[in-house]
Amino acid sequence: MFESRSDPLAPRWVFARRVIKYASIAVIVISVALGIGILGYHYIARFSWIDSLLNASMILGGMGPMGDLPSDAAKVFASFYALFSGLVFISVMGIVLAPAAHRALHHFHLDEEDQKP
């Protein structure tokens, strides 16, 4: 996937393409997580579609819920969705930062004769 320690540093266009690829994967992960939240709030908490979007977005973004939850099932869903959202946040940050972290670490491990001025 990425170049190994013995390979030279990838050109900037390869790095840019890699960043775009991983950012696209992060957008897909966020979209799936948001979709799960929207469907859960709509069908379990009986919120309207727009209120479901608002609540799912707020929890996924780390802000917290916006409305009162009408039932115990909705409260249980909101609890599990909040925990799930925290894991999604950590995972997305790892996905987005992976190309830059790899490039920085790979740059530090290059021998001086391998680096171009």
PDB file of N, CA and C in Angstrom:
ATOM      1  N   MET A   1       0.833  -1.179   0.000  1.00  0.00           N
ATOM      2  CA  MET A   1       0.000   0.000   0.000  1.00  0.00           C
ATOM      3  C   MET A   1       0.884   1.252   0.000  1.00  0.00           C
ATOM      4  N   PHE A   2       1.691   1.427   1.042  1.00  0.00           N
ATOM      5  CA  PHE A   2       2.652   2.522   1.079  1.00  0.00           C
ATOM      6  C   PHE A   2       4.023   1.959   0.738  1.00  0.00           C
ATOM      7  N   GLU A   3       4.954   2.850   0.430  1.00  0.00           N
ATOM      8  CA  GLU A   3       6.307   2.394   0.135  1.00  0.00           C
ATOM      9  C   GLU A   3       6.971   1.907   1.427  1.00  0.00           C
ATOM     10  N   SER A   4       7.883   0.943   1.260  1.00  0.00           N
ATOM     11  CA  SER A   4       8.555   0.384   2.430  1.00  0.00           C
ATOM     12  C   SER A   4       9.742   1.260   2.811  1.00  0.00           C
ATOM     13  N   ARG A   5      10.384   0.889   3.891  1.00  0.00           N
ATOM     14  CA  ARG A   5      11.501   1.660   4.418  1.00  0.00           C
ATOM     15  C   ARG A   5      12.642   1.770   3.405  1.00  0.00           C
ATOM     16  N   SER A   6      12.852   0.738   2.611  1.00  0.00           N
ATOM     17  CA  SER A   6      13.973   0.738   1.666  1.00  0.00           C
ATOM     18  C   SER A   6      13.658   1.481   0.367  1.00  0.00           C
ATOM     19  N   ASP A   7      12.396   1.795   0.120  1.00  0.00           N
ATOM     20  CA  ASP A   7      12.008   2.519  -1.093  1.00  0.00           C
ATOM     21  C   ASP A   7      12.242   4.025  -0.927  1.00  0.00           C
ATOM     22  N   PRO A   8      12.460   4.729  -2.030  1.00  0.00           N
ATOM     23  CA  PRO A   8      12.592   6.183  -1.930  1.00  0.00           C
ATOM     24  C   PRO A   8      11.256   6.834  -1.602  1.00  0.00           C
ATOM     25  N   LEU A   9      11.330   8.084  -1.168  1.00  0.00           N
ATOM     26  CA  LEU A   9      10.124   8.841  -0.846  1.00  0.00           C
ATOM     27  C   LEU A   9       9.263   8.995  -2.100  1.00  0.00           C
ATOM     28  N   ALA A  10       7.982   8.774  -1.965  1.00  0.00           N
ATOM     29  CA  ALA A  10       7.066   8.861  -3.113  1.00  0.00           C
ATOM     30  C   ALA A  10       6.991  10.299  -3.612  1.00  0.00           C
ATOM     31  N   PRO A  11       6.801  10.484  -4.918  1.00  0.00           N
ATOM     32  CA  PRO A  11       6.644  11.841  -5.452  1.00  0.00           C
ATOM     33  C   PRO A  11       5.398  12.522  -4.878  1.00  0.00           C
ATOM     34  N   ARG A  12       5.366  13.838  -4.986  1.00  0.00           N
ATOM     35  CA  ARG A  12       4.238  14.600  -4.430  1.00  0.00           C
ATOM     36  C   ARG A  12       2.906  14.219  -5.056  1.00  0.00           C
ATOM     37  N   TRP A  13       2.889  13.906  -6.341  1.00  0.00           N
ATOM     38  CA  TRP A  13       1.621  13.551  -6.986  1.00  0.00           C
ATOM     39  C   TRP A  13       1.097  12.230  -6.444  1.00  0.00           C
ATOM     40  N   VAL A  14       1.988  11.291  -6.104  1.00  0.00           N
ATOM     41  CA  VAL A  14       1.558  10.028  -5.496  1.00  0.00           C
ATOM     42  C   VAL A  14       0.986  10.299  -4.105  1.00  0.00           C
ATOM     43  N   PHE A  15       1.675  11.165  -3.357  1.00  0.00           N
ATOM     44  CA  PHE A  15       1.195  11.529  -2.025  1.00  0.00           C
ATOM     45  C   PHE A  15      -0.163  12.226  -2.106  1.00  0.00           C
ATOM     46  N   ALA A  16      -0.324  13.156  -3.054  1.00  0.00           N
ATOM     47  CA  ALA A  16      -1.598  13.865  -3.203  1.00  0.00           C
ATOM     48  C   ALA A  16      -2.727  12.899  -3.558  1.00  0.00           C
ATOM     49  N   ARG A  17      -2.439  11.966  -4.447  1.00  0.00           N
ATOM     50  CA  ARG A  17      -3.450  10.977  -4.829  1.00  0.00           C
ATOM     51  C   ARG A  17      -3.820  10.101  -3.635  1.00  0.00           C
ATOM     52  N   ARG A  18      -2.825   9.771  -2.826  1.00  0.00           N
ATOM     53  CA  ARG A  18      -3.053   8.962  -1.623  1.00  0.00           C
ATOM     54  C   ARG A  18      -3.920   9.725  -0.624  1.00  0.00           C
ATOM     55  N   VAL A  19      -3.657  11.011  -0.442  1.00  0.00           N
ATOM     56  CA  VAL A  19      -4.459  11.824   0.475  1.00  0.00           C
ATOM     57  C   VAL A  19      -5.901  11.887  -0.001  1.00  0.00           C
ATOM     58  N   ILE A  20      -6.109  12.074  -1.289  1.00  0.00           N
ATOM     59  CA  ILE A  20      -7.470  12.120  -1.837  1.00  0.00           C
ATOM     60  C   ILE A  20      -8.181  10.781  -1.641  1.00  0.00           C
ATOM     61  N   LYS A  21      -7.463   9.692  -1.866  1.00  0.00           N
ATOM     62  CA  LYS A  21      -8.044   8.354  -1.696  1.00  0.00           C
ATOM     63  C   LYS A  21      -8.487   8.132  -0.249  1.00  0.00           C
ATOM     64  N   TYR A  22      -7.614   8.481   0.698  1.00  0.00           N
ATOM     65  CA  TYR A  22      -7.938   8.248   2.099  1.00  0.00           C
ATOM     66  C   TYR A  22      -8.999   9.216   2.605  1.00  0.00           C
ATOM     67  N   ALA A  23      -9.015  10.440   2.099  1.00  0.00           N
ATOM     68  CA  ALA A  23     -10.085  11.375   2.452  1.00  0.00           C
ATOM     69  C   ALA A  23     -11.428  10.875   1.922  1.00  0.00           C
ATOM     70  N   SER A  24     -11.420  10.271   0.741  1.00  0.00           N
ATOM     71  CA  SER A  24     -12.653   9.696   0.179  1.00  0.00           C
ATOM     72  C   SER A  24     -13.153   8.536   1.030  1.00  0.00           C
ATOM     73  N   ILE A  25     -12.243   7.706   1.493  1.00  0.00           N
ATOM     74  CA  ILE A  25     -12.629   6.603   2.380  1.00  0.00           C
ATOM     75  C   ILE A  25     -13.231   7.157   3.667  1.00  0.00           C
ATOM     76  N   ALA A  26     -12.640   8.232   4.203  1.00  0.00           N
ATOM     77  CA  ALA A  26     -13.158   8.849   5.426  1.00  0.00           C
ATOM     78  C   ALA A  26     -14.564   9.402   5.199  1.00  0.00           C
ATOM     79  N   VAL A  27     -14.802  10.006   4.055  1.00  0.00           N
ATOM     80  CA  VAL A  27     -16.135  10.538   3.747  1.00  0.00           C
ATOM     81  C   VAL A  27     -17.159   9.400   3.665  1.00  0.00           C
ATOM     82  N   ILE A  28     -16.759   8.277   3.100  1.00  0.00           N
ATOM     83  CA  ILE A  28     -17.660   7.120   3.018  1.00  0.00           C
ATOM     84  C   ILE A  28     -17.984   6.603   4.411  1.00  0.00           C
ATOM     85  N   VAL A  29     -16.970   6.482   5.265  1.00  0.00           N
ATOM     86  CA  VAL A  29     -17.190   6.003   6.635  1.00  0.00           C
ATOM     87  C   VAL A  29     -18.127   6.949   7.385  1.00  0.00           C
ATOM     88  N   ILE A  30     -17.897   8.250   7.253  1.00  0.00           N
ATOM     89  CA  ILE A  30     -18.762   9.233   7.918  1.00  0.00           C
ATOM     90  C   ILE A  30     -20.187   9.152   7.372  1.00  0.00           C
ATOM     91  N   SER A  31     -20.338   8.988   6.074  1.00  0.00           N
ATOM     92  CA  SER A  31     -21.669   8.896   5.468  1.00  0.00           C
ATOM     93  C   SER A  31     -22.431   7.682   5.964  1.00  0.00           C
ATOM     94  N   VAL A  32     -21.750   6.542   6.062  1.00  0.00           N
ATOM     95  CA  VAL A  32     -22.402   5.330   6.565  1.00  0.00           C
ATOM     96  C   VAL A  32     -22.803   5.517   8.032  1.00  0.00           C
ATOM     97  N   ALA A  33     -21.906   6.086   8.838  1.00  0.00           N
ATOM     98  CA  ALA A  33     -22.217   6.310  10.249  1.00  0.00           C
ATOM     99  C   ALA A  33     -23.376   7.294  10.407  1.00  0.00           C
ATOM    100  N   LEU A  34     -23.396   8.338   9.596  1.00  0.00           N
ATOM    101  CA  LEU A  34     -24.496   9.303   9.652  1.00  0.00           C
ATOM    102  C   LEU A  34     -25.802   8.649   9.214  1.00  0.00           C
ATOM    103  N   GLY A  35     -25.739   7.807   8.191  1.00  0.00           N
ATOM    104  CA  GLY A  35     -26.934   7.087   7.740  1.00  0.00           C
ATOM    105  C   GLY A  35     -27.499   6.183   8.822  1.00  0.00           C
ATOM    106  N   ILE A  36     -26.624   5.493   9.544  1.00  0.00           N
ATOM    107  CA  ILE A  36     -27.077   4.640  10.655  1.00  0.00           C
ATOM    108  C   ILE A  36     -27.793   5.481  11.703  1.00  0.00           C
ATOM    109  N   GLY A  37     -27.211   6.622  12.031  1.00  0.00           N
ATOM    110  CA  GLY A  37     -27.831   7.498  13.026  1.00  0.00           C
ATOM    111  C   GLY A  37     -29.157   8.058  12.577  1.00  0.00           C
ATOM    112  N   ILE A  38     -29.227   8.482  11.332  1.00  0.00           N
ATOM    113  CA  ILE A  38     -30.482   9.039  10.809  1.00  0.00           C
ATOM    114  C   ILE A  38     -31.587   7.989  10.846  1.00  0.00           C
ATOM    115  N   LEU A  39     -31.268   6.783  10.369  1.00  0.00           N
ATOM    116  CA  LEU A  39     -32.286   5.723  10.371  1.00  0.00           C
ATOM    117  C   LEU A  39     -32.694   5.338  11.789  1.00  0.00           C
ATOM    118  N   GLY A  40     -31.731   5.260  12.683  1.00  0.00           N
ATOM    119  CA  GLY A  40     -32.045   4.914  14.067  1.00  0.00           C
ATOM    120  C   GLY A  40     -32.927   5.944  14.739  1.00  0.00           C
ATOM    121  N   TYR A  41     -32.581   7.209  14.590  1.00  0.00           N
ATOM    122  CA  TYR A  41     -33.398   8.253  15.206  1.00  0.00           C
ATOM    123  C   TYR A  41     -34.775   8.332  14.565  1.00  0.00           C
ATOM    124  N   HIS A  42     -34.860   8.080  13.277  1.00  0.00           N
ATOM    125  CA  HIS A  42     -36.163   8.160  12.616  1.00  0.00           C
ATOM    126  C   HIS A  42     -37.070   7.000  13.018  1.00  0.00           C
ATOM    127  N   TYR A  43     -36.531   5.786  12.991  1.00  0.00           N
ATOM    128  CA  TYR A  43     -37.381   4.616  13.233  1.00  0.00           C
ATOM    129  C   TYR A  43     -37.483   4.227  14.701  1.00  0.00           C
ATOM    130  N   ILE A  44     -36.460   4.490  15.501  1.00  0.00           N
ATOM    131  CA  ILE A  44     -36.520   4.099  16.918  1.00  0.00           C
ATOM    132  C   ILE A  44     -37.067   5.233  17.772  1.00  0.00           C
ATOM    133  N   ALA A  45     -36.567   6.447  17.567  1.00  0.00           N
ATOM    134  CA  ALA A  45     -37.026   7.591  18.368  1.00  0.00           C
ATOM    135  C   ALA A  45     -38.241   8.279  17.760  1.00  0.00           C
ATOM    136  N   ARG A  46     -38.609   7.901  16.535  1.00  0.00           N
ATOM    137  CA  ARG A  46     -39.767   8.475  15.839  1.00  0.00           C
ATOM    138  C   ARG A  46     -39.619   9.980  15.581  1.00  0.00           C
ATOM    139  N   PHE A  47     -38.382  10.411  15.311  1.00  0.00           N
ATOM    140  CA  PHE A  47     -38.145  11.804  14.942  1.00  0.00           C
ATOM    141  C   PHE A  47     -38.428  11.969  13.458  1.00  0.00           C
ATOM    142  N   SER A  48     -38.690  13.214  13.056  1.00  0.00           N
ATOM    143  CA  SER A  48     -38.829  13.487  11.621  1.00  0.00           C
ATOM    144  C   SER A  48     -37.461  13.315  10.965  1.00  0.00           C
ATOM    145  N   TRP A  49     -37.446  13.285   9.643  1.00  0.00           N
ATOM    146  CA  TRP A  49     -36.174  13.071   8.933  1.00  0.00           C
ATOM    147  C   TRP A  49     -35.176  14.177   9.231  1.00  0.00           C
ATOM    148  N   ILE A  50     -35.647  15.408   9.270  1.00  0.00           N
ATOM    149  CA  ILE A  50     -34.725  16.527   9.496  1.00  0.00           C
ATOM    150  C   ILE A  50     -34.222  16.537  10.937  1.00  0.00           C
ATOM    151  N   ASP A  51     -35.085  16.192  11.891  1.00  0.00           N
ATOM    152  CA  ASP A  51     -34.646  16.096  13.285  1.00  0.00           C
ATOM    153  C   ASP A  51     -33.693  14.915  13.475  1.00  0.00           C
ATOM    154  N   SER A  52     -33.939  13.841  12.735  1.00  0.00           N
ATOM    155  CA  SER A  52     -33.028  12.693  12.782  1.00  0.00           C
ATOM    156  C   SER A  52     -31.654  13.080  12.252  1.00  0.00           C
ATOM    157  N   LEU A  53     -31.627  13.811  11.151  1.00  0.00           N
ATOM    158  CA  LEU A  53     -30.364  14.294  10.593  1.00  0.00           C
ATOM    159  C   LEU A  53     -29.653  15.197  11.590  1.00  0.00           C
ATOM    160  N   LEU A  54     -30.381  16.108  12.200  1.00  0.00           N
ATOM    161  CA  LEU A  54     -29.787  17.029  13.169  1.00  0.00           C
ATOM    162  C   LEU A  54     -29.181  16.279  14.348  1.00  0.00           C
ATOM    163  N   ASN A  55     -29.936  15.366  14.943  1.00  0.00           N
ATOM    164  CA  ASN A  55     -29.437  14.630  16.106  1.00  0.00           C
ATOM    165  C   ASN A  55     -28.256  13.738  15.754  1.00  0.00           C
ATOM    166  N   ALA A  56     -28.347  13.036  14.638  1.00  0.00           N
ATOM    167  CA  ALA A  56     -27.239  12.164  14.232  1.00  0.00           C
ATOM    168  C   ALA A  56     -25.985  12.991  13.939  1.00  0.00           C
ATOM    169  N   SER A  57     -26.140  14.123  13.292  1.00  0.00           N
ATOM    170  CA  SER A  57     -25.002  14.984  12.987  1.00  0.00           C
ATOM    171  C   SER A  57     -24.379  15.543  14.257  1.00  0.00           C
ATOM    172  N   MET A  58     -25.211  15.964  15.191  1.00  0.00           N
ATOM    173  CA  MET A  58     -24.697  16.534  16.428  1.00  0.00           C
ATOM    174  C   MET A  58     -23.942  15.497  17.251  1.00  0.00           C
ATOM    175  N   ILE A  59     -24.455  14.291  17.328  1.00  0.00           N
ATOM    176  CA  ILE A  59     -23.760  13.263  18.102  1.00  0.00           C
ATOM    177  C   ILE A  59     -22.502  12.825  17.372  1.00  0.00           C
ATOM    178  N   LEU A  60     -22.581  12.653  16.072  1.00  0.00           N
ATOM    179  CA  LEU A  60     -21.397  12.244  15.305  1.00  0.00           C
ATOM    180  C   LEU A  60     -20.309  13.305  15.372  1.00  0.00           C
ATOM    181  N   GLY A  61     -20.697  14.564  15.464  1.00  0.00           N
ATOM    182  CA  GLY A  61     -19.728  15.643  15.577  1.00  0.00           C
ATOM    183  C   GLY A  61     -19.254  15.895  16.997  1.00  0.00           C
ATOM    184  N   GLY A  62     -19.807  15.190  17.963  1.00  0.00           N
ATOM    185  CA  GLY A  62     -19.364  15.316  19.341  1.00  0.00           C
ATOM    186  C   GLY A  62     -20.072  16.393  20.142  1.00  0.00           C
ATOM    187  N   MET A  63     -21.166  16.917  19.643  1.00  0.00           N
ATOM    188  CA  MET A  63     -21.860  18.008  20.325  1.00  0.00           C
ATOM    189  C   MET A  63     -22.946  17.532  21.295  1.00  0.00           C
ATOM    190  N   GLY A  64     -23.531  16.399  21.054  1.00  0.00           N
ATOM    191  CA  GLY A  64     -24.605  15.907  21.907  1.00  0.00           C
ATOM    192  C   GLY A  64     -25.959  16.027  21.233  1.00  0.00           C
ATOM    193  N   PRO A  65     -26.967  15.363  21.794  1.00  0.00           N
ATOM    194  CA  PRO A  65     -28.299  15.353  21.179  1.00  0.00           C
ATOM    195  C   PRO A  65     -29.010  16.697  21.328  1.00  0.00           C
ATOM    196  N   MET A  66     -29.975  16.925  20.456  1.00  0.00           N
ATOM    197  CA  MET A  66     -30.714  18.186  20.445  1.00  0.00           C
ATOM    198  C   MET A  66     -32.106  18.074  21.056  1.00  0.00           C
ATOM    199  N   GLY A  67     -32.731  16.912  21.001  1.00  0.00           N
ATOM    200  CA  GLY A  67     -34.114  16.799  21.463  1.00  0.00           C
ATOM    201  C   GLY A  67     -34.240  15.781  22.585  1.00  0.00           C
ATOM    202  N   ASP A  68     -35.396  15.795  23.225  1.00  0.00           N
ATOM    203  CA  ASP A  68     -35.696  14.812  24.258  1.00  0.00           C
ATOM    204  C   ASP A  68     -36.055  13.489  23.597  1.00  0.00           C
ATOM    205  N   LEU A  69     -35.555  12.432  24.171  1.00  0.00           N
ATOM    206  CA  LEU A  69     -35.819  11.101  23.619  1.00  0.00           C
ATOM    207  C   LEU A  69     -37.079  10.547  24.271  1.00  0.00           C
ATOM    208  N   PRO A  70     -38.043  10.108  23.456  1.00  0.00           N
ATOM    209  CA  PRO A  70     -39.363   9.757  23.980  1.00  0.00           C
ATOM    210  C   PRO A  70     -39.457   8.399  24.663  1.00  0.00           C
ATOM    211  N   SER A  71     -38.553   7.472  24.385  1.00  0.00           N
ATOM    212  CA  SER A  71     -38.716   6.126  24.935  1.00  0.00           C
ATOM    213  C   SER A  71     -37.378   5.589  25.423  1.00  0.00           C
ATOM    214  N   ASP A  72     -37.472   4.495  26.164  1.00  0.00           N
ATOM    215  CA  ASP A  72     -36.248   3.846  26.640  1.00  0.00           C
ATOM    216  C   ASP A  72     -35.448   3.256  25.483  1.00  0.00           C
ATOM    217  N   ALA A  73     -36.134   2.741  24.483  1.00  0.00           N
ATOM    218  CA  ALA A  73     -35.434   2.187  23.314  1.00  0.00           C
ATOM    219  C   ALA A  73     -34.639   3.274  22.604  1.00  0.00           C
ATOM    220  N   ALA A  74     -35.207   4.461  22.515  1.00  0.00           N
ATOM    221  CA  ALA A  74     -34.505   5.576  21.881  1.00  0.00           C
ATOM    222  C   ALA A  74     -33.297   5.988  22.695  1.00  0.00           C
ATOM    223  N   LYS A  75     -33.408   5.940  24.000  1.00  0.00           N
ATOM    224  CA  LYS A  75     -32.281   6.290  24.871  1.00  0.00           C
ATOM    225  C   LYS A  75     -31.161   5.259  24.756  1.00  0.00           C
ATOM    226  N   VAL A  76     -31.526   3.995  24.659  1.00  0.00           N
ATOM    227  CA  VAL A  76     -30.517   2.945  24.481  1.00  0.00           C
ATOM    228  C   VAL A  76     -29.830   3.111  23.130  1.00  0.00           C
ATOM    229  N   PHE A  77     -30.617   3.374  22.084  1.00  0.00           N
ATOM    230  CA  PHE A  77     -30.017   3.601  20.772  1.00  0.00           C
ATOM    231  C   PHE A  77     -29.067   4.792  20.816  1.00  0.00           C
ATOM    232  N   ALA A  78     -29.501   5.895  21.422  1.00  0.00           N
ATOM    233  CA  ALA A  78     -28.663   7.091  21.488  1.00  0.00           C
ATOM    234  C   ALA A  78     -27.370   6.815  22.251  1.00  0.00           C
ATOM    235  N   SER A  79     -27.443   5.992  23.280  1.00  0.00           N
ATOM    236  CA  SER A  79     -26.238   5.647  24.041  1.00  0.00           C
ATOM    237  C   SER A  79     -25.254   4.875  23.181  1.00  0.00           C
ATOM    238  N   PHE A  80     -25.747   3.856  22.506  1.00  0.00           N
ATOM    239  CA  PHE A  80     -24.857   3.056  21.659  1.00  0.00           C
ATOM    240  C   PHE A  80     -24.359   3.856  20.454  1.00  0.00           C
ATOM    241  N   TYR A  81     -25.197   4.726  19.920  1.00  0.00           N
ATOM    242  CA  TYR A  81     -24.777   5.542  18.780  1.00  0.00           C
ATOM    243  C   TYR A  81     -23.704   6.543  19.204  1.00  0.00           C
ATOM    244  N   ALA A  82     -23.801   7.065  20.410  1.00  0.00           N
ATOM    245  CA  ALA A  82     -22.777   7.987  20.903  1.00  0.00           C
ATOM    246  C   ALA A  82     -21.435   7.269  21.056  1.00  0.00           C
ATOM    247  N   LEU A  83     -21.449   6.060  21.604  1.00  0.00           N
ATOM    248  CA  LEU A  83     -20.211   5.285  21.719  1.00  0.00           C
ATOM    249  C   LEU A  83     -19.652   4.937  20.346  1.00  0.00           C
ATOM    250  N   PHE A  84     -20.520   4.525  19.454  1.00  0.00           N
ATOM    251  CA  PHE A  84     -20.133   4.217  18.083  1.00  0.00           C
ATOM    252  C   PHE A  84     -19.546   5.443  17.398  1.00  0.00           C
ATOM    253  N   SER A  85     -20.142   6.607  17.618  1.00  0.00           N
ATOM    254  CA  SER A  85     -19.660   7.836  17.000  1.00  0.00           C
ATOM    255  C   SER A  85     -18.264   8.206  17.482  1.00  0.00           C
ATOM    256  N   GLY A  86     -17.990   7.961  18.745  1.00  0.00           N
ATOM    257  CA  GLY A  86     -16.641   8.210  19.258  1.00  0.00           C
ATOM    258  C   GLY A  86     -15.612   7.344  18.564  1.00  0.00           C
ATOM    259  N   LEU A  87     -15.944   6.092  18.350  1.00  0.00           N
ATOM    260  CA  LEU A  87     -15.028   5.190  17.640  1.00  0.00           C
ATOM    261  C   LEU A  87     -14.877   5.585  16.181  1.00  0.00           C
ATOM    262  N   VAL A  88     -15.964   6.041  15.574  1.00  0.00           N
ATOM    263  CA  VAL A  88     -15.888   6.505  14.183  1.00  0.00           C
ATOM    264  C   VAL A  88     -14.985   7.727  14.087  1.00  0.00           C
ATOM    265  N   PHE A  89     -15.092   8.640  15.037  1.00  0.00           N
ATOM    266  CA  PHE A  89     -14.250   9.830  15.038  1.00  0.00           C
ATOM    267  C   PHE A  89     -12.778   9.459  15.109  1.00  0.00           C
ATOM    268  N   ILE A  90     -12.426   8.569  16.019  1.00  0.00           N
ATOM    269  CA  ILE A  90     -11.034   8.134  16.153  1.00  0.00           C
ATOM    270  C   ILE A  90     -10.567   7.430  14.881  1.00  0.00           C
ATOM    271  N   SER A  91     -11.404   6.583  14.321  1.00  0.00           N
ATOM    272  CA  SER A  91     -11.042   5.855  13.104  1.00  0.00           C
ATOM    273  C   SER A  91     -10.854   6.794  11.917  1.00  0.00           C
ATOM    274  N   VAL A  92     -11.743   7.754  11.771  1.00  0.00           N
ATOM    275  CA  VAL A  92     -11.637   8.700  10.653  1.00  0.00           C
ATOM    276  C   VAL A  92     -10.374   9.545  10.787  1.00  0.00           C
ATOM    277  N   MET A  93     -10.050   9.954  11.998  1.00  0.00           N
ATOM    278  CA  MET A  93      -8.818  10.721  12.186  1.00  0.00           C
ATOM    279  C   MET A  93      -7.598   9.878  11.799  1.00  0.00           C
ATOM    280  N   GLY A  94      -7.611   8.608  12.142  1.00  0.00           N
ATOM    281  CA  GLY A  94      -6.515   7.721  11.739  1.00  0.00           C
ATOM    282  C   GLY A  94      -6.433   7.561  10.232  1.00  0.00           C
ATOM    283  N   ILE A  95      -7.577   7.425   9.598  1.00  0.00           N
ATOM    284  CA  ILE A  95      -7.608   7.271   8.143  1.00  0.00           C
ATOM    285  C   ILE A  95      -7.078   8.530   7.458  1.00  0.00           C
ATOM    286  N   VAL A  96      -7.524   9.684   7.916  1.00  0.00           N
ATOM    287  CA  VAL A  96      -7.127  10.948   7.274  1.00  0.00           C
ATOM    288  C   VAL A  96      -5.652  11.254   7.514  1.00  0.00           C
ATOM    289  N   LEU A  97      -5.162  10.964   8.702  1.00  0.00           N
ATOM    290  CA  LEU A  97      -3.778  11.306   9.037  1.00  0.00           C
ATOM    291  C   LEU A  97      -2.754  10.263   8.599  1.00  0.00           C
ATOM    292  N   ALA A  98      -3.187   9.089   8.204  1.00  0.00           N
ATOM    293  CA  ALA A  98      -2.259   8.004   7.851  1.00  0.00           C
ATOM    294  C   ALA A  98      -1.277   8.385   6.741  1.00  0.00           C
ATOM    295  N   PRO A  99      -1.713   8.955   5.623  1.00  0.00           N
ATOM    296  CA  PRO A  99      -0.730   9.287   4.580  1.00  0.00           C
ATOM    297  C   PRO A  99       0.319  10.295   5.035  1.00  0.00           C
ATOM    298  N   ALA A 100      -0.099  11.326   5.752  1.00  0.00           N
ATOM    299  CA  ALA A 100       0.851  12.345   6.209  1.00  0.00           C
ATOM    300  C   ALA A 100       1.802  11.783   7.257  1.00  0.00           C
ATOM    301  N   ALA A 101       1.280  10.982   8.172  1.00  0.00           N
ATOM    302  CA  ALA A 101       2.134  10.380   9.197  1.00  0.00           C
ATOM    303  C   ALA A 101       3.151   9.432   8.566  1.00  0.00           C
ATOM    304  N   HIS A 102       2.699   8.641   7.608  1.00  0.00           N
ATOM    305  CA  HIS A 102       3.620   7.723   6.946  1.00  0.00           C
ATOM    306  C   HIS A 102       4.699   8.479   6.187  1.00  0.00           C
ATOM    307  N   ARG A 103       4.304   9.523   5.486  1.00  0.00           N
ATOM    308  CA  ARG A 103       5.287  10.301   4.718  1.00  0.00           C
ATOM    309  C   ARG A 103       6.312  10.948   5.652  1.00  0.00           C
ATOM    310  N   ALA A 104       5.861  11.504   6.768  1.00  0.00           N
ATOM    311  CA  ALA A 104       6.784  12.136   7.713  1.00  0.00           C
ATOM    312  C   ALA A 104       7.749  11.104   8.303  1.00  0.00           C
ATOM    313  N   LEU A 105       7.226   9.974   8.723  1.00  0.00           N
ATOM    314  CA  LEU A 105       8.094   8.940   9.291  1.00  0.00           C
ATOM    315  C   LEU A 105       9.043   8.372   8.243  1.00  0.00           C
ATOM    316  N   HIS A 106       8.555   8.197   7.036  1.00  0.00           N
ATOM    317  CA  HIS A 106       9.400   7.680   5.961  1.00  0.00           C
ATOM    318  C   HIS A 106      10.508   8.688   5.641  1.00  0.00           C
ATOM    319  N   HIS A 107      10.185   9.960   5.667  1.00  0.00           N
ATOM    320  CA  HIS A 107      11.176  11.002   5.398  1.00  0.00           C
ATOM    321  C   HIS A 107      12.278  10.986   6.460  1.00  0.00           C
ATOM    322  N   PHE A 108      11.919  10.772   7.712  1.00  0.00           N
ATOM    323  CA  PHE A 108      12.910  10.738   8.792  1.00  0.00           C
ATOM    324  C   PHE A 108      13.811   9.513   8.718  1.00  0.00           C
ATOM    325  N   HIS A 109      13.331   8.435   8.121  1.00  0.00           N
ATOM    326  CA  HIS A 109      14.107   7.210   8.047  1.00  0.00           C
ATOM    327  C   HIS A 109      14.988   7.108   6.810  1.00  0.00           C
ATOM    328  N   LEU A 110      14.885   8.057   5.898  1.00  0.00           N
ATOM    329  CA  LEU A 110      15.703   8.008   4.706  1.00  0.00           C
ATOM    330  C   LEU A 110      17.163   8.311   5.049  1.00  0.00           C
ATOM    331  N   ASP A 111      18.057   7.643   4.355  1.00  0.00           N
ATOM    332  CA  ASP A 111      19.476   7.976   4.503  1.00  0.00           C
ATOM    333  C   ASP A 111      19.731   9.329   3.825  1.00  0.00           C
ATOM    334  N   GLU A 112      20.756  10.000   4.230  1.00  0.00           N
ATOM    335  CA  GLU A 112      21.039  11.325   3.665  1.00  0.00           C
ATOM    336  C   GLU A 112      21.313  11.268   2.172  1.00  0.00           C
ATOM    337  N   GLU A 113      21.915  10.199   1.674  1.00  0.00           N
ATOM    338  CA  GLU A 113      22.188  10.128   0.259  1.00  0.00           C
ATOM    339  C   GLU A 113      20.930   9.843  -0.553  1.00  0.00           C
ATOM    340  N   ASP A 114      19.865   9.355   0.089  1.00  0.00           N
ATOM    341  CA  ASP A 114      18.612   9.089  -0.601  1.00  0.00           C
ATOM    342  C   ASP A 114      17.774  10.361  -0.781  1.00  0.00           C
ATOM    343  N   GLN A 115      18.024  11.373   0.049  1.00  0.00           N
ATOM    344  CA  GLN A 115      17.225  12.585  -0.018  1.00  0.00           C
ATOM    345  C   GLN A 115      17.710  13.479  -1.147  1.00  0.00           C
ATOM    346  N   LYS A 116      16.755  14.064  -1.844  1.00  0.00           N
ATOM    347  CA  LYS A 116      17.101  14.997  -2.917  1.00  0.00           C
ATOM    348  C   LYS A 116      17.128  16.404  -2.359  1.00  0.00           C
ATOM    349  N   PRO A 117      18.048  17.249  -2.821  1.00  0.00           N
ATOM    350  CA  PRO A 117      18.127  18.614  -2.278  1.00  0.00           C
ATOM    351  C   PRO A 117      16.938  19.461  -2.668  1.00  0.00           C
TER     352      PRO A 117
END
